[in-house]
Amino acid sequence: MRQKKQIKVTNYQTLMYPDLGYPYELRKSRGKSISLTIYPNNFIILRIPNRMPKNQVIEFLQERKSWVQAKFQDNKKHNPK
């Protein structure tokens, strides 16, 4: 009988977006790519590889700051709750 593959739960923590003050959830995984997702309720998730240096994460967030602001305001307009 085959054993089921166990899925590793990712590490996550809630932080504040630099210079914007928006809360975001940081999730670390075994993957190799970085992604930033903003849901319609303005819930922000940043997914990063486990071994990514903190300075690269900060640089990525700074590069995407204007996009995050625009998306956050657009979501507020369309979802007033």
Protein backbone atom coordinates (compact mmCIF):
# COMPACT_ATOMS: atom_id res chain seq x y z
CA MET A 1 0.00 0.00 0.00
CA ARG A 2 1.36 3.43 -0.97
CA GLN A 3 1.77 6.06 1.65
CA LYS A 4 0.30 9.47 0.98
CA LYS A 5 2.78 12.25 0.43
CA GLN A 6 2.84 14.65 3.36
CA ILE A 7 2.45 18.31 2.49
CA LYS A 8 4.70 20.69 4.37
CA VAL A 9 2.89 23.66 5.88
CA THR A 10 4.59 26.90 4.90
CA ASN A 11 5.92 29.35 7.45
CA TYR A 12 4.07 32.63 7.57
CA GLN A 13 3.93 35.82 9.57
CA THR A 14 2.10 39.13 9.36
CA LEU A 15 4.25 42.23 8.78
CA MET A 16 3.74 45.86 7.72
CA TYR A 17 4.55 46.97 4.17
CA PRO A 18 7.58 49.34 4.30
CA ASP A 19 6.67 53.04 3.96
CA LEU A 20 2.98 52.23 3.32
CA GLY A 21 1.86 50.72 6.61
CA TYR A 22 -0.38 48.10 4.94
CA PRO A 23 -0.33 44.71 6.67
CA TYR A 24 0.82 41.78 4.55
CA GLU A 25 1.35 38.11 5.14
CA LEU A 26 4.82 36.75 4.44
CA ARG A 27 4.86 33.10 3.45
CA LYS A 28 8.08 31.15 3.00
CA SER A 29 8.21 28.01 0.92
CA ARG A 30 10.56 25.65 -0.85
CA GLY A 31 9.77 27.29 -4.19
CA LYS A 32 12.23 29.36 -6.22
CA SER A 33 10.12 32.36 -7.18
CA ILE A 34 8.75 35.42 -5.41
CA SER A 35 5.18 36.64 -5.81
CA LEU A 36 3.01 39.43 -4.49
CA THR A 37 -0.78 38.98 -4.48
CA ILE A 38 -3.42 41.54 -3.51
CA TYR A 39 -6.93 40.17 -3.12
CA PRO A 40 -10.10 42.28 -3.65
CA ASN A 41 -10.47 42.66 0.14
CA ASN A 42 -6.93 44.19 0.19
CA PHE A 43 -5.40 41.13 1.80
CA ILE A 44 -1.75 41.11 0.68
CA ILE A 45 0.37 37.95 0.49
CA LEU A 46 4.08 37.91 -0.30
CA ARG A 47 5.47 34.47 -1.13
CA ILE A 48 9.24 34.05 -1.04
CA PRO A 49 11.76 31.18 -1.14
CA ASN A 50 13.02 29.99 2.26
CA ARG A 51 16.58 31.14 1.67
CA MET A 52 15.90 34.56 0.15
CA PRO A 53 17.95 37.27 1.92
CA LYS A 54 15.99 39.96 3.75
CA ASN A 55 17.58 42.78 1.72
CA GLN A 56 16.26 41.23 -1.53
CA VAL A 57 12.77 41.02 -0.04
CA ILE A 58 12.88 44.71 0.97
CA GLU A 59 14.16 45.67 -2.50
CA PHE A 60 11.33 43.71 -4.15
CA LEU A 61 8.74 45.43 -1.95
CA GLN A 62 10.21 48.87 -2.71
CA GLU A 63 10.10 48.19 -6.46
CA ARG A 64 6.41 47.24 -6.26
CA LYS A 65 5.36 50.02 -3.87
CA SER A 66 3.56 52.22 -6.43
CA TRP A 67 1.73 49.21 -7.89
CA VAL A 68 0.60 48.13 -4.42
CA GLN A 69 -0.67 51.63 -3.62
CA ALA A 70 -2.61 51.84 -6.88
CA LYS A 71 -4.11 48.37 -6.49
CA PHE A 72 -4.99 49.02 -2.83
CA GLN A 73 -6.81 52.27 -3.72
CA ASP A 74 -8.55 50.66 -6.70
CA ASN A 75 -9.81 47.83 -4.49
CA LYS A 76 -11.09 50.34 -1.92
CA LYS A 77 -13.04 52.13 -4.68
CA HIS A 78 -14.66 48.94 -5.96
CA ASN A 79 -15.11 47.23 -2.57
CA PRO A 80 -16.06 49.91 -0.04
CA LYS A 81 -16.42 47.47 2.90
